[in-house]
Protein backbone atom coordinates (compact mmCIF):
# COMPACT_ATOMS: atom_id res chain seq x y z
CA MET A 1 0.00 0.00 0.00
CA GLU A 2 1.33 3.45 -0.94
CA ALA A 3 2.32 5.63 2.02
CA PRO A 4 -0.03 8.59 2.54
CA ARG A 5 1.23 11.76 0.93
CA LEU A 6 -0.18 15.24 0.52
CA VAL A 7 0.99 16.40 -2.91
CA GLY A 8 1.17 20.10 -3.70
CA THR A 9 3.29 23.24 -3.58
CA SER A 10 0.63 25.86 -2.81
CA SER A 11 0.63 27.96 0.34
CA ALA A 12 -2.63 26.21 1.34
CA VAL A 13 -0.93 22.80 1.27
CA ARG A 14 2.12 24.11 3.16
CA SER A 15 -0.13 25.54 5.87
CA LEU A 16 -2.09 22.30 6.06
CA LEU A 17 1.12 20.26 6.44
CA ALA A 18 2.15 22.52 9.32
CA GLU A 19 -1.21 21.94 11.01
CA ILE A 20 -0.87 18.19 10.47
CA SER A 21 2.54 18.25 12.16
CA TYR A 22 1.06 20.12 15.09
CA ALA A 23 -1.86 17.68 15.40
CA SER A 24 0.50 14.69 15.26
CA ARG A 25 2.34 15.79 18.40
CA CYS A 26 -0.69 15.43 20.66
CA ASP A 27 -3.64 13.14 21.32
CA ALA A 28 -6.39 15.74 20.95
CA LYS A 29 -9.47 14.99 18.90
CA VAL A 30 -9.44 16.37 15.35
CA LEU A 31 -12.25 17.59 13.10
CA ILE A 32 -11.43 17.73 9.37
CA THR A 33 -13.75 19.48 6.94
CA GLY A 34 -13.65 19.80 3.18
CA GLU A 35 -15.49 18.84 0.02
CA SER A 36 -15.79 15.22 -1.11
CA GLY A 37 -12.62 13.99 -2.77
CA ALA A 38 -10.42 16.79 -1.38
CA GLY A 39 -8.21 14.44 0.65
CA LYS A 40 -9.62 14.36 4.19
CA GLU A 41 -8.66 10.72 4.75
CA ILE A 42 -5.09 11.41 3.57
CA VAL A 43 -4.86 14.16 6.19
CA ALA A 44 -6.17 11.79 8.87
CA ARG A 45 -3.63 9.12 7.90
CA LEU A 46 -0.77 11.61 7.97
CA ILE A 47 -1.79 12.67 11.49
CA HIS A 48 -1.90 9.03 12.62
CA GLU A 49 1.40 8.10 10.95
CA GLY A 50 3.14 11.08 12.55
CA SER A 51 1.79 10.37 16.02
CA ALA A 52 2.96 8.10 18.82
CA ARG A 53 0.03 5.80 17.96
CA ASN A 54 1.47 4.79 14.59
CA LYS A 55 2.47 1.34 15.90
CA SER A 56 -1.21 0.52 16.33
CA ALA A 57 -4.01 0.42 13.79
CA MET A 58 -5.94 3.25 12.23
CA ILE A 59 -9.43 2.05 11.32
CA THR A 60 -11.74 3.98 9.00
CA VAL A 61 -15.53 3.95 9.39
CA ASN A 62 -17.80 5.60 6.82
CA CYS A 63 -20.76 6.77 8.89
CA ALA A 64 -22.85 7.54 5.81
CA ALA A 65 -22.57 4.00 4.44
CA LEU A 66 -24.22 2.26 7.41
CA THR A 67 -27.65 2.42 9.01
CA GLU A 68 -27.84 3.50 12.65
CA THR A 69 -28.13 -0.11 13.88
CA LEU A 70 -25.24 -1.38 11.76
CA LEU A 71 -23.08 1.61 12.70
CA GLU A 72 -23.68 1.02 16.40
CA THR A 73 -22.66 -2.64 16.03
CA GLU A 74 -19.64 -1.69 13.91
CA LEU A 75 -18.38 0.79 16.48
CA PHE A 76 -19.28 -0.84 19.79
CA GLY A 77 -19.65 -4.54 18.91
CA HIS A 78 -22.42 -6.85 20.14
CA VAL A 79 -23.03 -9.78 22.47
CA ARG A 80 -24.24 -13.19 21.45
CA GLY A 81 -28.02 -13.37 20.96
CA SER A 82 -28.50 -9.60 20.85
CA PHE A 83 -30.21 -9.88 17.44
CA THR A 84 -30.95 -12.46 14.76
CA GLY A 85 -27.66 -13.74 13.39
CA ALA A 86 -25.57 -12.73 16.42
CA TYR A 87 -24.14 -16.20 17.05
CA ARG A 88 -21.13 -14.99 19.00
CA ASP A 89 -19.74 -11.98 20.78
CA ARG A 90 -18.06 -9.49 18.52
CA SER A 91 -15.67 -6.66 19.28
CA GLY A 92 -16.36 -3.28 17.75
CA VAL A 93 -13.99 -0.92 16.00
CA PHE A 94 -13.27 1.07 19.16
CA GLU A 95 -12.06 -2.08 20.94
CA VAL A 96 -10.01 -3.29 17.98
CA ALA A 97 -8.34 0.11 17.64
CA HIS A 98 -7.24 0.24 21.32
CA ARG A 99 -4.14 2.48 21.56
CA GLY A 100 -4.68 3.43 17.91
CA THR A 101 -6.89 5.79 15.90
CA VAL A 102 -10.44 5.63 14.58
CA PHE A 103 -11.21 7.84 11.59
CA MET A 104 -14.94 8.56 11.42
CA ASP A 105 -15.70 9.83 7.94
CA GLU A 106 -18.97 11.67 7.20
CA ILE A 107 -19.68 12.24 10.90
CA GLY A 108 -22.30 14.80 9.90
CA GLU A 109 -24.57 12.01 8.58
CA THR A 110 -25.09 10.35 11.99
CA THR A 111 -28.49 10.28 13.70
CA PRO A 112 -29.24 12.14 16.97
CA ARG A 113 -29.26 8.86 18.91
CA MET A 114 -25.88 7.83 17.49
CA GLN A 115 -24.53 11.27 18.30
CA GLY A 116 -25.56 10.71 21.92
CA LEU A 117 -23.77 7.35 22.03
CA LEU A 118 -20.63 8.88 20.53
CA LEU A 119 -20.69 11.77 23.02
CA ARG A 120 -20.87 9.36 25.96
CA PHE A 121 -18.00 7.28 24.57
CA LEU A 122 -15.82 10.35 23.99
CA GLU A 123 -16.44 11.48 27.58
CA THR A 124 -15.83 8.12 29.31
CA GLY A 125 -13.97 5.85 26.85
CA GLU A 126 -16.29 3.02 27.96
CA ILE A 127 -17.57 0.38 25.54
CA GLN A 128 -21.05 -1.03 25.97
CA ARG A 129 -21.77 -3.63 23.30
CA VAL A 130 -25.16 -3.89 21.64
CA GLY A 131 -27.38 -6.22 23.70
CA SER A 132 -25.40 -5.78 26.91
CA ASP A 133 -26.70 -4.04 30.04
CA ARG A 134 -23.29 -2.87 31.26
CA ALA A 135 -20.00 -1.49 30.01
CA GLN A 136 -17.52 -4.20 29.03
CA THR A 137 -14.27 -2.29 29.01
CA ARG A 138 -12.56 1.07 28.73
CA VAL A 139 -10.35 1.78 25.71
CA ASP A 140 -7.73 4.33 24.70
CA VAL A 141 -8.60 5.51 21.21
CA ARG A 142 -7.96 8.75 19.38
CA VAL A 143 -10.93 9.88 17.30
CA ILE A 144 -10.45 11.87 14.11
CA ALA A 145 -13.73 12.91 12.49
CA ALA A 146 -14.39 14.32 9.04
CA THR A 147 -17.35 15.78 7.18
CA ASN A 148 -18.16 17.60 3.96
CA ARG A 149 -20.94 19.46 5.75
CA VAL A 150 -20.68 22.83 7.50
CA LEU A 151 -21.32 21.49 11.00
CA VAL A 152 -21.92 24.95 12.46
CA ASP A 153 -24.95 25.20 10.18
CA SER A 154 -26.07 21.71 11.22
CA VAL A 155 -25.79 22.74 14.88
CA ALA A 156 -27.89 25.84 14.18
CA ALA A 157 -30.46 23.66 12.39
CA LYS A 158 -30.56 21.27 15.39
CA THR A 159 -29.50 18.29 13.26
CA PHE A 160 -26.11 17.94 14.98
CA ARG A 161 -25.52 18.10 18.71
CA GLU A 162 -23.70 21.22 19.83
CA ASP A 163 -21.96 19.42 22.72
CA LEU A 164 -20.65 16.71 20.37
CA TYR A 165 -19.46 19.36 17.90
CA TYR A 166 -17.35 21.07 20.57
CA ARG A 167 -16.12 17.71 21.88
CA LEU A 168 -14.81 16.80 18.39
CA ASN A 169 -13.61 20.25 17.39
CA VAL A 170 -10.48 20.47 19.54
CA ILE A 171 -8.16 20.73 16.54
CA TYR A 172 -9.84 21.97 13.37
CA LEU A 173 -8.39 21.39 9.89
CA CYS A 174 -9.96 22.45 6.59
CA VAL A 175 -8.82 20.83 3.34
CA PRO A 176 -9.28 23.41 0.54
CA PRO A 177 -10.90 22.31 -2.74
CA LEU A 178 -8.60 21.81 -5.72
CA ARG A 179 -10.11 24.73 -7.66
CA GLU A 180 -8.81 27.10 -4.97
CA ARG A 181 -5.21 25.86 -5.39
CA PRO A 182 -4.70 25.41 -9.15
CA GLU A 183 -0.92 25.49 -8.74
CA ASP A 184 -1.22 22.01 -7.19
CA VAL A 185 -2.74 20.50 -10.35
CA PRO A 186 0.59 19.95 -12.26
CA PRO A 187 2.38 18.16 -9.37
CA LEU A 188 -0.71 16.05 -8.75
CA LEU A 189 -0.90 15.12 -12.43
CA HIS A 190 2.75 14.07 -12.55
CA HIS A 191 2.44 12.17 -9.27
CA PHE A 192 -0.52 10.10 -10.48
CA LEU A 193 0.99 9.60 -13.96
CA ASP A 194 4.05 8.03 -12.34
CA TYR A 195 1.97 6.05 -9.85
CA PHE A 196 -0.42 4.48 -12.35
CA SER A 197 2.30 3.84 -14.92
CA LYS A 198 4.15 1.79 -12.30
CA HIS A 199 0.91 0.12 -11.22
CA TYR A 200 0.04 -0.95 -14.77
CA ARG A 201 3.69 -1.56 -15.71
CA SER A 202 3.58 0.78 -18.65
CA GLU A 203 5.74 3.59 -19.91
CA THR A 204 4.92 6.93 -18.29
CA PRO A 205 3.13 9.20 -20.81
CA VAL A 206 3.76 12.93 -20.98
CA LEU A 207 1.21 15.72 -21.23
CA SER A 208 1.20 18.03 -24.24
CA LYS A 209 1.00 21.77 -23.63
CA ASP A 210 -2.62 21.89 -24.85
CA ALA A 211 -3.62 18.97 -22.61
CA LEU A 212 -1.99 20.54 -19.55
CA GLU A 213 -3.73 23.86 -20.24
CA ALA A 214 -7.10 22.11 -20.52
CA LEU A 215 -6.50 20.19 -17.28
CA MET A 216 -5.45 23.40 -15.52
CA ALA A 217 -8.62 25.16 -16.69
CA HIS A 218 -10.95 22.39 -15.47
CA PRO A 219 -12.71 23.32 -12.18
CA TRP A 220 -12.35 19.77 -10.73
CA PRO A 221 -15.71 19.55 -8.93
CA GLY A 222 -14.69 16.08 -7.71
CA ASN A 223 -11.38 17.45 -6.41
CA VAL A 224 -8.28 15.22 -6.13
CA ARG A 225 -10.36 12.05 -6.43
CA GLU A 226 -11.66 13.18 -9.83
CA LEU A 227 -8.16 14.13 -11.01
CA LYS A 228 -6.83 10.73 -9.89
CA ASN A 229 -9.56 8.91 -11.84
CA VAL A 230 -8.91 10.99 -14.97
CA VAL A 231 -5.18 10.23 -14.86
CA GLU A 232 -5.78 6.51 -14.36
CA ARG A 233 -8.05 6.47 -17.42
CA LEU A 234 -5.44 8.33 -19.48
CA VAL A 235 -2.67 5.90 -18.49
CA ILE A 236 -4.84 2.90 -19.36
CA ARG A 237 -5.83 4.31 -22.74
CA ARG A 238 -2.39 5.60 -23.75
CA SER A 239 0.63 3.63 -22.60
CA GLY A 240 3.62 5.93 -23.08
CA GLY A 241 3.81 8.63 -25.75
CA GLU A 242 2.19 12.03 -25.49
CA ILE A 243 -1.27 12.76 -24.15
CA GLY A 244 -2.96 15.40 -26.30
CA ARG A 245 -6.04 17.48 -25.74
CA GLU A 246 -8.01 15.04 -27.90
CA ASP A 247 -7.23 12.22 -25.43
CA LEU A 248 -8.87 14.00 -22.50
CA PRO A 249 -12.38 13.17 -21.25
CA LEU A 250 -15.02 15.29 -22.92
CA ASP A 251 -16.19 16.98 -19.72
CA VAL A 252 -12.63 18.25 -19.20
CA VAL A 253 -12.42 19.49 -22.79
CA ARG A 254 -15.78 21.26 -22.50
CA SER A 255 -14.73 23.19 -19.40
CA ALA A 256 -11.46 24.36 -20.96
CA PRO A 257 -11.13 27.40 -23.23
CA ALA A 258 -11.07 26.60 -26.92
CA VAL A 259 -7.63 26.18 -28.43
CA ALA A 260 -6.70 28.98 -30.83
CA ALA A 261 -7.64 27.82 -34.32
CA PRO A 262 -8.78 29.17 -37.68
CA ALA A 263 -12.23 30.77 -37.71
CA ASP A 264 -13.71 27.88 -39.69
CA ALA A 265 -12.31 25.16 -37.40
CA PRO A 266 -14.94 23.04 -35.63
CA GLN A 267 -15.41 23.93 -31.95
CA ALA A 268 -18.32 21.75 -30.80
CA VAL A 269 -17.47 18.34 -29.38
CA SER A 270 -19.84 16.70 -31.86
CA GLU A 271 -18.02 18.35 -34.78
CA VAL A 272 -14.61 17.31 -33.43
CA LEU A 273 -15.70 13.66 -33.16
CA TYR A 274 -17.38 13.75 -36.56
CA GLU A 275 -14.13 14.96 -38.14
CA ARG A 276 -12.15 12.25 -36.36
CA MET A 277 -14.33 9.66 -38.09
CA ARG A 278 -14.39 11.42 -41.44
CA LYS A 279 -10.75 12.49 -41.74
CA GLU A 280 -8.87 10.11 -39.45
CA GLY A 281 -10.85 6.97 -40.26
CA GLN A 282 -11.70 6.21 -36.64
CA SER A 283 -14.68 3.98 -35.90
CA PHE A 284 -17.99 5.18 -34.50
CA TRP A 285 -17.77 2.46 -31.83
CA SER A 286 -14.54 3.81 -30.34
CA VAL A 287 -14.98 7.55 -30.97
CA VAL A 288 -18.69 7.99 -30.14
CA TYR A 289 -20.19 4.83 -28.66
CA ALA A 290 -17.54 4.25 -25.96
CA PRO A 291 -17.57 7.79 -24.49
CA PHE A 292 -21.39 7.90 -24.71
CA MET A 293 -21.71 4.69 -22.70
CA SER A 294 -19.23 6.00 -20.11
CA ARG A 295 -21.34 9.21 -19.91
CA ASP A 296 -18.59 11.45 -21.27
CA LEU A 297 -20.84 12.27 -24.24
CA THR A 298 -24.38 13.60 -23.95
CA ARG A 299 -27.44 12.54 -25.90
CA ASP A 300 -27.51 15.95 -27.58
CA ASP A 301 -23.93 15.39 -28.78
CA LEU A 302 -24.91 11.99 -30.19
CA ARG A 303 -27.92 13.46 -31.99
CA ALA A 304 -25.76 16.21 -33.48
CA ILE A 305 -23.29 13.62 -34.83
CA VAL A 306 -26.11 11.54 -36.32
CA ARG A 307 -27.60 14.66 -37.89
CA MET A 308 -24.28 15.55 -39.55
CA GLY A 309 -24.01 12.00 -40.88
CA LEU A 310 -27.53 12.07 -42.31
CA GLU A 311 -26.92 15.43 -43.95
CA ARG A 312 -23.78 14.01 -45.54
CA THR A 313 -25.47 10.84 -46.76
CA SER A 314 -28.80 12.43 -47.74
CA GLY A 315 -30.62 10.46 -45.06
CA ASN A 316 -29.13 7.04 -45.94
CA TYR A 317 -28.31 5.12 -42.73
CA LYS A 318 -26.57 2.29 -44.62
CA VAL A 319 -24.20 4.74 -46.25
CA MET A 320 -23.67 6.38 -42.86
CA VAL A 321 -22.47 3.06 -41.45
CA GLU A 322 -19.69 3.13 -44.02
CA LEU A 323 -19.11 6.86 -43.47
CA PHE A 324 -18.54 6.24 -39.75
CA ASN A 325 -16.08 3.40 -40.47
CA MET A 326 -18.26 0.53 -39.30
CA ARG A 327 -18.63 -2.87 -40.93
CA PRO A 328 -21.74 -3.42 -43.09
CA GLU A 329 -22.94 -6.11 -40.67
CA ASP A 330 -23.03 -3.47 -37.91
CA TYR A 331 -26.04 -1.80 -39.57
CA LYS A 332 -28.71 -3.41 -37.35
CA ARG A 333 -26.66 -2.94 -34.20
CA PHE A 334 -26.14 0.74 -35.07
CA LEU A 335 -29.86 1.38 -35.65
CA GLY A 336 -30.77 -0.55 -32.50
CA PHE A 337 -28.37 1.56 -30.47
CA LEU A 338 -29.81 4.82 -31.85
CA ARG A 339 -33.40 3.73 -31.23
CA LYS A 340 -32.64 2.56 -27.69
CA TYR A 341 -31.36 6.00 -26.73
CA HIS A 342 -33.94 7.93 -28.80
CA CYS A 343 -31.36 9.30 -31.23
CA HIS A 344 -32.81 7.77 -34.42
CA MET A 345 -34.05 10.49 -36.76
CA PRO A 346 -36.49 10.23 -39.71
CA PHE A 347 -34.49 10.12 -42.93
CA GLN A 348 -37.13 11.93 -45.03
CA GLN A 349 -36.25 15.42 -43.88
CA PHE A 350 -32.63 14.94 -44.88
CA ARG A 351 -33.55 13.55 -48.29
CA SER A 352 -35.76 16.54 -49.00
CA VAL A 353 -33.00 18.93 -48.00
CA ALA A 354 -30.55 17.04 -50.21
CA ALA A 355 -32.97 17.20 -53.08
CA ARG A 356 -33.29 20.97 -52.77
CA VAL A 357 -29.52 21.36 -52.62
CA ALA A 358 -29.13 19.19 -55.71
CA GLN A 359 -31.82 21.16 -57.52
CA ASP A 360 -30.14 24.48 -56.67
CA ALA A 361 -26.81 23.13 -57.89
CA GLU A 362 -28.36 21.97 -61.15
CA GLU A 363 -29.98 25.36 -61.74
CA GLU A 364 -26.69 27.13 -61.06
CA LYS A 365 -24.88 24.81 -63.48
CA SER A 366 -27.41 25.43 -66.23
CA ALA A 367 -27.26 29.18 -65.72
CA SER A 368 -23.47 29.44 -65.72
CA PRO A 369 -22.97 29.36 -69.58
CA LEU A 370 -25.26 32.38 -69.92
CA VAL A 371 -23.17 34.24 -67.40
CA ARG A 372 -19.95 33.42 -69.22
CA HIS A 373 -21.49 34.48 -72.53
């Protein structure tokens, strides 16, 4: 497993690293806030690894992923016979993590009853398993909590206990979103390019200037997690070589400013993909179908591509199969795909347009000798 690491050169990251160092030198409870994907668990792991508890376990519990009953059992354990299926006593996370750390992610999603149980545990350190009428033991556990909510607002709305908030908020750390520290994007990109190239045993690709500019311009709503996923996809699709702007996911390309180009150059995503099929000979299945199925391409984009194909072929779907570099036997599959996603268009309107264009061209041709004369 890769050692936790907070990658970045921004002043925000430097300040956060200083706060992590401070938090690692004590046993105080920590509350970490920040948007989803910003790196809250990395911060928690760095605090644990830098503390005197690093010889013991750090256990992560996602409070939002479990119901109240399951979360109570997960944290405190249960005794045999306490509910259907409880065939033996079971220790909870707090017992297992004795002398270590428990990272409670999404603490803001807990119910009022669970918040009461947590408050009692934080005050006494006593474990009372589900189904038991007395405390079993007392443990020494450091609790680090995290949330993507603004807990002060939740306290004001009476959905989060004020006493629990102040019990958790001894040391407060905020992980800034990636869009607020764009200077960290290049080092993160290079870090994940190296990491996934080693993971997949492939040559490390390099980013072209246009690709880097597009990635820098993207707002990264999913933060570091989104960037990590994008880089992994790029490494899988292009082993070694150079990653160009055309290799990037379409949502990244859409959010970036258009690359300087001649006035008549296509700008819409649908036009770019259409030209890749027409001029570069790429197949519809790889250029359009694959990104559409992975939700990188919208239904409107697909309809626009089909419309351009029908205009080119005068409404002939069989000719369009050849135009989009598919095999003739793909005709039924192609139509079935378009109908399934409501992107099949009546061919008549395109044939009538083509007929008018042909008629205008014929009239112009017949009139041209008179003009020359």
